[in-house]
């Protein structure tokens, strides 16, 4: 299934959602011809979610819907009828349905599957958990399964197409690095050295330059990377669990207190010093690891040491076994918790599931995986097999990270 939307439509759509934030929103993408490219959208105004029957229906699903009265959307019969008349009058057809996640990432849940109106329509989810950086994912949905698809944005002027999720690049950084690559080795070293010694560079700029130097084959350029690391190294008091004779993993996510040891400008109230540091981009997490001589966990390593407690009935919100190790939607009371308040897993790691999503290592250009779910997540989102990809410059109130060291260790 190809899912295509005109660029001006998706841009107008995002602006409309931001204008109406924090209202829960639902609607359809439409086409006025047979090319199956969404050329307009319709946003429902009336929401019957709060009537007694619908409210009870949602609350039975789990605490999340009791704690968040604007979770879930039910269009009224009256507006649904008017909408169908609008389609017939204007010779429009439905291509896809959409709804907004105000707190969750753009992830398709079992509840979303149950509420999906028709297998003939694709389903776009837009996450507004970061108002300034809306995140979109689109899914093909059949009677029995669903799968994420590429969202193709069509430029109506010259028919150019692009993958929406890969659209964000740091043009300034890429321009610099591309121009450096065309210069002599001496000139490259001079420019890179000057950049690396420039104070106050944004984290994304500095990290991209470090990665560039690290991956170059020329020893002189690689030496710039190793020299920078040696000059900027900071020792941080991290508690590790030795998970093997070659690997140690920080036994909790990085806390506000630990993060501030590397980035003194980080501000937080003292009562939150032992809480996971959140609202952190992948670039900031990566820079922390570079400065502390550690590394982010890869998806594979994170999955290996997760020790999943969700179980087979992952669609059920009430999960006593998961509650023992995880702060999630059913027991969080909508709040981030101090690290280590639940039991550790068999590897001595706390909060691998729930509390806050964790950035993992990524070699992709602009996106990186997050894993583990959060204090707002359903059990299905906390499963070890789930990876939620976000743009590397994305940040949210429920994303953190942890680090690891590799070497030779006695267990």
Protein backbone atom coordinates (compact mmCIF):
# COMPACT_ATOMS: atom_id res chain seq x y z
CA UNK A 1 0.00 0.00 0.00
CA UNK A 2 1.36 3.42 -1.01
CA UNK A 3 0.35 6.24 1.33
CA UNK A 4 0.70 9.66 -0.25
CA UNK A 5 -0.20 13.14 0.93
CA UNK A 6 0.41 16.46 -0.79
CA UNK A 7 3.01 18.56 1.02
CA UNK A 8 0.75 21.60 1.45
CA UNK A 9 -1.91 19.33 3.00
CA UNK A 10 0.35 17.77 5.62
CA UNK A 11 1.85 21.15 6.50
CA UNK A 12 -1.59 22.75 6.87
CA UNK A 13 -2.74 19.72 8.85
CA UNK A 14 0.11 20.00 11.39
CA UNK A 15 -0.50 23.74 11.80
CA UNK A 16 -4.18 23.07 12.47
CA UNK A 17 -3.38 20.49 15.14
CA UNK A 18 -0.93 22.87 16.82
CA UNK A 19 -3.51 25.65 16.72
CA UNK A 20 -6.05 23.44 18.52
CA UNK A 21 -3.62 21.85 21.01
CA UNK A 22 -4.25 20.32 23.57
CA UNK A 23 -7.58 19.24 22.13
CA UNK A 24 -7.86 15.55 21.26
CA UNK A 25 -8.49 15.31 17.52
CA UNK A 26 -9.75 12.75 15.03
CA UNK A 27 -10.70 12.83 11.38
CA UNK A 28 -10.07 11.68 7.82
CA UNK A 29 -7.78 12.36 4.88
CA UNK A 30 -9.68 12.75 1.63
CA UNK A 31 -9.17 12.79 -2.12
CA UNK A 32 -11.23 14.51 -4.81
CA UNK A 33 -9.97 12.33 -7.68
CA UNK A 34 -8.73 8.82 -8.37
CA UNK A 35 -4.98 9.27 -7.82
CA UNK A 36 -5.12 8.14 -4.16
CA UNK A 37 -3.17 11.17 -2.97
CA UNK A 38 -4.69 12.91 0.06
CA UNK A 39 -5.62 16.42 -1.05
CA UNK A 40 -7.66 17.54 1.98
CA UNK A 41 -8.61 16.52 5.49
CA UNK A 42 -11.61 16.74 7.80
CA UNK A 43 -11.31 17.22 11.56
CA UNK A 44 -14.30 16.29 13.72
CA UNK A 45 -15.39 18.96 16.14
CA UNK A 46 -17.78 17.08 18.44
CA UNK A 47 -16.43 14.39 20.80
CA UNK A 48 -18.81 12.10 22.70
CA UNK A 49 -15.98 10.46 24.66
CA UNK A 50 -17.28 11.92 27.93
CA UNK A 51 -20.85 10.67 27.78
CA UNK A 52 -21.49 8.06 30.45
CA UNK A 53 -21.58 4.99 28.22
CA UNK A 54 -18.41 5.83 26.29
CA UNK A 55 -16.56 6.96 29.40
CA UNK A 56 -17.26 3.67 31.18
CA UNK A 57 -16.15 1.78 28.07
CA UNK A 58 -12.76 3.47 28.07
CA UNK A 59 -12.21 3.36 31.83
CA UNK A 60 -12.67 -0.40 31.78
CA UNK A 61 -9.59 -0.62 29.55
CA UNK A 62 -7.23 0.71 32.20
CA UNK A 63 -6.17 3.48 34.57
CA UNK A 64 -4.77 5.54 31.70
CA UNK A 65 -8.28 6.43 30.56
CA UNK A 66 -9.35 7.22 34.10
CA UNK A 67 -6.36 9.52 34.64
CA UNK A 68 -6.67 11.23 31.25
CA UNK A 69 -10.20 12.26 30.39
CA UNK A 70 -9.11 13.46 26.94
CA UNK A 71 -7.70 10.05 25.99
CA UNK A 72 -9.84 8.47 23.29
CA UNK A 73 -12.26 10.08 20.85
CA UNK A 74 -15.82 9.17 19.81
CA UNK A 75 -17.40 11.24 17.06
CA UNK A 76 -21.07 12.12 17.51
CA UNK A 77 -23.72 10.50 15.36
CA UNK A 78 -24.94 13.91 14.19
CA UNK A 79 -21.56 15.07 12.93
CA UNK A 80 -20.80 11.68 11.40
CA UNK A 81 -24.01 11.96 9.38
CA UNK A 82 -23.12 15.52 8.26
CA UNK A 83 -19.64 14.35 7.30
CA UNK A 84 -20.99 11.54 5.09
CA UNK A 85 -23.29 14.04 3.40
CA UNK A 86 -20.29 16.32 2.85
CA UNK A 87 -18.46 13.48 1.07
CA UNK A 88 -21.35 12.75 -1.28
CA UNK A 89 -22.06 16.38 -2.04
CA UNK A 90 -18.44 17.14 -2.94
CA UNK A 91 -17.62 13.80 -4.58
CA UNK A 92 -14.87 13.04 -2.06
CA UNK A 93 -13.55 9.69 -0.93
CA UNK A 94 -11.86 8.60 2.27
CA UNK A 95 -8.24 7.47 1.98
CA UNK A 96 -7.17 7.35 5.57
CA UNK A 97 -8.12 8.09 9.14
CA UNK A 98 -6.04 9.94 11.73
CA UNK A 99 -6.04 10.64 15.43
CA UNK A 100 -3.79 12.52 17.84
CA UNK A 101 -1.73 11.10 20.70
CA UNK A 102 -1.28 13.81 23.29
CA UNK A 103 1.04 11.80 25.54
CA UNK A 104 2.11 8.64 23.70
CA UNK A 105 4.53 8.46 20.77
CA UNK A 106 3.13 7.84 17.31
CA UNK A 107 2.73 4.15 18.02
CA UNK A 108 -0.23 1.98 16.99
CA UNK A 109 -1.78 0.22 19.98
CA UNK A 110 -4.29 -2.60 20.35
CA UNK A 111 -6.94 -0.03 21.30
CA UNK A 112 -6.19 1.90 18.11
CA UNK A 113 -6.66 -1.32 16.14
CA UNK A 114 -10.01 -2.01 17.79
CA UNK A 115 -11.27 1.50 17.09
CA UNK A 116 -9.99 1.64 13.49
CA UNK A 117 -13.12 2.24 11.36
CA UNK A 118 -12.33 0.26 8.19
CA UNK A 119 -9.60 -2.05 6.79
CA UNK A 120 -9.88 -0.12 3.51
CA UNK A 121 -8.31 2.94 5.14
CA UNK A 122 -4.76 3.61 6.27
CA UNK A 123 -4.29 5.09 9.73
CA UNK A 124 -2.05 8.05 10.54
CA UNK A 125 -1.10 8.78 14.14
CA UNK A 126 0.40 12.12 15.08
CA UNK A 127 2.04 12.45 18.47
CA UNK A 128 1.88 15.87 20.10
CA UNK A 129 3.80 14.90 23.26
CA UNK A 130 6.30 17.52 22.05
CA UNK A 131 4.13 20.36 20.78
CA UNK A 132 7.02 21.93 18.85
CA UNK A 133 8.09 18.67 17.18
CA UNK A 134 5.02 16.67 16.13
CA UNK A 135 5.87 13.07 15.23
CA UNK A 136 3.96 11.15 12.56
CA UNK A 137 3.62 7.46 11.74
CA UNK A 138 1.22 5.83 9.28
CA UNK A 139 -0.04 2.25 9.26
CA UNK A 140 -1.71 -0.17 6.91
CA UNK A 141 -4.48 -1.90 8.84
CA UNK A 142 -6.27 -5.12 7.92
CA UNK A 143 -8.78 -7.20 9.85
CA UNK A 144 -6.05 -9.27 11.53
CA UNK A 145 -2.88 -7.16 11.64
CA UNK A 146 -1.28 -3.76 11.15
CA UNK A 147 2.12 -2.63 9.91
CA UNK A 148 3.88 0.72 9.68
CA UNK A 149 4.32 2.07 6.16
CA UNK A 150 6.31 4.88 4.61
CA UNK A 151 4.53 8.21 4.45
CA UNK A 152 5.31 9.74 1.07
CA UNK A 153 4.93 13.49 0.75
CA UNK A 154 4.19 14.78 -2.76
CA UNK A 155 5.33 18.19 -3.89
CA UNK A 156 2.41 19.25 -6.06
CA UNK A 157 4.55 21.57 -8.19
CA UNK A 158 7.01 19.08 -9.63
CA UNK A 159 5.82 15.69 -8.29
CA UNK A 160 8.95 15.14 -6.23
CA UNK A 161 8.51 12.67 -3.37
CA UNK A 162 10.20 12.24 -0.03
CA UNK A 163 9.95 9.98 2.99
CA UNK A 164 8.44 12.20 5.69
CA UNK A 165 10.28 10.49 8.57
CA UNK A 166 13.66 11.01 6.95
CA UNK A 167 13.03 14.60 5.90
CA UNK A 168 14.81 16.36 8.74
CA UNK A 169 18.53 16.89 8.29
CA UNK A 170 20.87 19.46 9.75
CA UNK A 171 21.51 21.39 6.58
CA UNK A 172 24.08 23.70 8.15
CA UNK A 173 26.16 20.82 9.55
CA UNK A 174 25.95 18.74 6.39
CA UNK A 175 26.96 21.70 4.27
CA UNK A 176 30.06 22.27 6.40
CA UNK A 177 31.08 18.62 6.46
CA UNK A 178 30.52 18.19 2.73
CA UNK A 179 32.63 21.27 1.98
CA UNK A 180 35.38 20.06 4.31
CA UNK A 181 35.55 16.77 2.45
CA UNK A 182 36.47 18.61 -0.75
CA UNK A 183 39.45 20.39 0.81
CA UNK A 184 43.05 19.29 1.26
CA UNK A 185 43.91 17.17 4.30
CA UNK A 186 45.70 20.09 5.95
CA UNK A 187 42.72 22.38 5.40
CA UNK A 188 40.33 19.72 6.73
CA UNK A 189 42.36 19.34 9.92
CA UNK A 190 42.52 23.11 10.40
CA UNK A 191 38.76 23.63 9.99
CA UNK A 192 37.78 20.61 12.10
CA UNK A 193 40.21 21.57 14.84
CA UNK A 194 38.77 25.08 14.96
CA UNK A 195 35.21 23.76 15.08
CA UNK A 196 35.98 21.30 17.89
CA UNK A 197 37.55 24.07 19.95
CA UNK A 198 34.57 26.42 19.49
CA UNK A 199 32.75 26.83 22.81
CA UNK A 200 28.98 26.56 23.03
CA UNK A 201 28.34 24.54 19.88
CA UNK A 202 24.84 23.01 19.85
CA UNK A 203 24.96 19.35 20.83
CA UNK A 204 23.75 18.18 17.44
CA UNK A 205 26.50 20.11 15.64
CA UNK A 206 29.27 18.92 17.93
CA UNK A 207 28.16 15.28 17.81
CA UNK A 208 27.95 15.24 14.02
CA UNK A 209 31.49 16.65 13.79
CA UNK A 210 32.79 14.07 16.29
CA UNK A 211 31.17 11.23 14.36
CA UNK A 212 32.65 12.58 11.14
CA UNK A 213 36.17 12.62 12.64
CA UNK A 214 35.80 9.22 14.27
CA UNK A 215 34.69 7.55 11.04
CA UNK A 216 37.33 9.07 8.75
CA UNK A 217 40.14 6.73 7.67
CA UNK A 218 42.84 9.40 7.89
CA UNK A 219 44.77 8.97 11.20
CA UNK A 220 45.28 12.72 11.58
CA UNK A 221 41.54 13.35 11.51
CA UNK A 222 40.78 10.40 13.80
CA UNK A 223 43.35 11.87 16.18
CA UNK A 224 41.27 15.04 16.45
CA UNK A 225 38.45 12.89 17.80
CA UNK A 226 40.59 11.07 20.36
CA UNK A 227 42.28 14.32 21.45
CA UNK A 228 38.92 16.03 21.94
CA UNK A 229 37.69 13.09 24.05
CA UNK A 230 40.77 13.17 26.24
CA UNK A 231 40.57 16.93 26.78
CA UNK A 232 36.84 16.92 27.56
CA UNK A 233 36.56 13.74 29.61
CA UNK A 234 34.46 14.00 32.78
CA UNK A 235 34.30 11.34 35.48
CA UNK A 236 30.75 10.77 36.65
CA UNK A 237 29.71 8.61 39.60
CA UNK A 238 27.60 5.99 37.81
CA UNK A 239 26.37 2.76 39.35
CA UNK A 240 26.90 -0.21 37.03
CA UNK A 241 25.69 -3.78 36.87
CA UNK A 242 28.18 -6.27 35.46
CA UNK A 243 25.97 -8.14 33.04
CA UNK A 244 28.84 -10.18 31.53
CA UNK A 245 32.60 -10.47 31.78
CA UNK A 246 32.92 -7.91 28.98
CA UNK A 247 30.10 -5.44 29.68
CA UNK A 248 28.76 -3.18 32.44
CA UNK A 249 25.48 -1.26 32.12
CA UNK A 250 24.37 1.66 34.28
CA UNK A 251 21.81 0.08 36.56
CA UNK A 252 19.39 3.01 36.24
CA UNK A 253 18.71 5.61 33.59
CA UNK A 254 20.94 8.66 33.88
CA UNK A 255 19.58 10.98 36.57
CA UNK A 256 19.33 14.77 36.64
CA UNK A 257 22.17 14.87 39.17
CA UNK A 258 24.47 12.73 37.00
CA UNK A 259 23.62 14.67 33.85
CA UNK A 260 24.42 17.98 35.52
CA UNK A 261 27.94 16.75 36.31
CA UNK A 262 28.58 16.77 32.55
CA UNK A 263 26.38 19.70 31.57
CA UNK A 264 26.40 22.25 34.43
CA UNK A 265 23.81 24.40 32.66
CA UNK A 266 21.19 21.69 33.25
CA UNK A 267 18.58 23.05 35.69
CA UNK A 268 16.26 21.04 37.94
CA UNK A 269 14.64 21.28 41.37
CA UNK A 270 16.61 19.43 44.04
CA UNK A 271 13.69 17.08 44.75
CA UNK A 272 14.14 15.66 41.22
CA UNK A 273 17.87 14.97 41.41
CA UNK A 274 17.31 11.18 41.43
CA UNK A 275 14.72 11.22 38.67
CA UNK A 276 15.61 10.23 35.09
CA UNK A 277 16.85 13.17 33.08
CA UNK A 278 14.20 13.74 30.40
CA UNK A 279 13.55 16.15 27.53
CA UNK A 280 16.89 14.97 26.19
CA UNK A 281 17.59 14.52 22.48
CA UNK A 282 19.61 11.62 21.12
CA UNK A 283 22.40 14.11 20.42
CA UNK A 284 22.60 15.13 24.07
CA UNK A 285 22.58 11.51 25.19
CA UNK A 286 25.30 10.68 22.67
CA UNK A 287 27.43 13.64 23.76
CA UNK A 288 27.10 12.60 27.41
CA UNK A 289 28.43 9.14 26.49
CA UNK A 290 31.34 10.61 24.52
CA UNK A 291 32.37 12.86 27.39
CA UNK A 292 32.09 10.12 30.03
CA UNK A 293 33.89 7.46 28.01
CA UNK A 294 30.79 5.29 27.80
CA UNK A 295 28.40 4.41 25.00
CA UNK A 296 24.68 4.15 24.42
CA UNK A 297 23.21 0.67 24.35
CA UNK A 298 22.49 -0.76 20.91
CA UNK A 299 19.00 -2.10 20.27
CA UNK A 300 20.34 -5.64 20.40
CA UNK A 301 22.12 -5.17 23.73
CA UNK A 302 19.16 -3.33 25.25
CA UNK A 303 16.83 -6.15 24.16
CA UNK A 304 19.16 -8.85 25.48
CA UNK A 305 19.22 -7.38 28.99
CA UNK A 306 15.61 -6.21 29.20
CA UNK A 307 14.25 -9.38 30.87
CA UNK A 308 10.73 -8.72 29.58
CA UNK A 309 7.96 -9.02 32.21
CA UNK A 310 4.99 -8.06 30.04
CA UNK A 311 4.02 -11.66 29.22
CA UNK A 312 1.68 -13.04 26.59
CA UNK A 313 -1.40 -11.00 27.56
CA UNK A 314 0.27 -7.75 26.54
CA UNK A 315 -3.03 -6.09 25.65
CA UNK A 316 -4.22 -6.18 29.27
CA UNK A 317 -3.34 -3.03 31.20
CA UNK A 318 -3.50 -4.63 34.64
CA UNK A 319 -0.33 -6.73 34.81
CA UNK A 320 0.85 -7.67 38.35
CA UNK A 321 4.18 -9.10 37.18
CA UNK A 322 5.04 -5.98 35.18
CA UNK A 323 4.02 -3.76 38.12
CA UNK A 324 6.81 -5.29 40.20
CA UNK A 325 9.54 -3.92 37.91
CA UNK A 326 7.94 -1.09 35.92
CA UNK A 327 6.28 2.28 36.38
CA UNK A 328 3.72 2.42 33.57
CA UNK A 329 0.22 3.69 32.81
CA UNK A 330 -1.54 1.44 35.29
CA UNK A 331 0.49 2.32 38.40
CA UNK A 332 2.24 5.65 37.68
CA UNK A 333 -0.62 8.04 38.44
CA UNK A 334 0.54 9.94 35.34
CA UNK A 335 3.86 10.85 36.97
CA UNK A 336 7.53 10.17 36.30
CA UNK A 337 9.11 8.36 39.27
CA UNK A 338 12.48 8.41 40.97
CA UNK A 339 14.84 5.81 39.48
CA UNK A 340 15.02 2.41 41.14
CA UNK A 341 11.67 2.52 42.94
CA UNK A 342 10.70 -0.87 41.52
CA UNK A 343 12.54 -4.21 41.63
CA UNK A 344 15.54 -4.73 39.38
CA UNK A 345 15.47 -7.38 36.69
CA UNK A 346 17.61 -10.53 36.76
CA UNK A 347 20.61 -8.54 35.47
CA UNK A 348 20.42 -5.98 38.28
CA UNK A 349 18.98 -3.27 36.02
CA UNK A 350 16.20 -0.95 37.20
CA UNK A 351 13.53 0.73 35.05
CA UNK A 352 14.38 -1.12 31.86
CA UNK A 353 10.62 -1.18 31.32
CA UNK A 354 8.47 1.84 32.07
CA UNK A 355 9.25 5.20 33.68
CA UNK A 356 10.91 6.67 30.55
CA UNK A 357 11.74 5.56 27.03
CA UNK A 358 15.49 5.12 26.49
CA UNK A 359 17.53 6.31 23.53
CA UNK A 360 19.67 3.61 21.89
CA UNK A 361 22.67 3.86 19.60
CA UNK A 362 21.97 4.54 15.95
CA UNK A 363 24.02 4.77 12.77
CA UNK A 364 21.07 6.04 10.73
CA UNK A 365 21.31 9.58 9.40
CA UNK A 366 18.46 11.27 11.24
CA UNK A 367 16.51 8.78 13.37
CA UNK A 368 17.26 6.65 16.42
CA UNK A 369 15.34 4.02 18.40
CA UNK A 370 13.82 4.47 21.84
CA UNK A 371 12.87 1.44 23.93
CA UNK A 372 11.19 0.38 27.14
CA UNK A 373 8.03 2.47 27.33
CA UNK A 374 7.35 5.06 29.99
CA UNK A 375 5.16 6.02 32.93
CA UNK A 376 2.44 6.78 30.35
CA UNK A 377 2.89 3.61 28.28
CA UNK A 378 0.62 0.60 27.98
CA UNK A 379 2.20 -2.82 28.65
CA UNK A 380 2.34 -3.55 24.92
CA UNK A 381 4.60 -0.50 24.45
CA UNK A 382 6.97 -1.73 27.18
CA UNK A 383 7.74 -5.03 25.45
CA UNK A 384 11.37 -5.68 24.64
CA UNK A 385 10.59 -6.21 20.95
CA UNK A 386 9.16 -2.68 20.55
CA UNK A 387 11.43 0.02 19.12
CA UNK A 388 9.95 3.48 18.64
CA UNK A 389 12.03 5.55 16.22
CA UNK A 390 12.27 9.31 16.61
CA UNK A 391 14.27 12.03 14.89
CA UNK A 392 17.59 12.47 16.68
CA UNK A 393 16.82 16.07 17.60
CA UNK A 394 13.50 15.05 19.18
CA UNK A 395 12.94 15.30 22.91
CA UNK A 396 10.01 14.71 25.24
CA UNK A 397 9.14 14.57 28.92
CA UNK A 398 9.29 10.77 28.90
CA UNK A 399 12.57 10.07 27.03
CA UNK A 400 15.86 9.40 28.84
CA UNK A 401 18.89 7.13 28.31
CA UNK A 402 21.39 4.88 30.04
CA UNK A 403 24.98 4.00 29.14
CA UNK A 404 27.36 1.05 29.19
CA UNK A 405 31.06 0.24 29.32
CA UNK A 406 32.83 -2.61 27.58
CA UNK A 407 36.10 -4.24 28.64
CA UNK A 408 37.13 -7.12 30.87
CA UNK A 409 35.28 -7.44 34.16
CA UNK A 410 35.00 -10.06 36.87
CA UNK A 411 31.48 -11.15 37.71
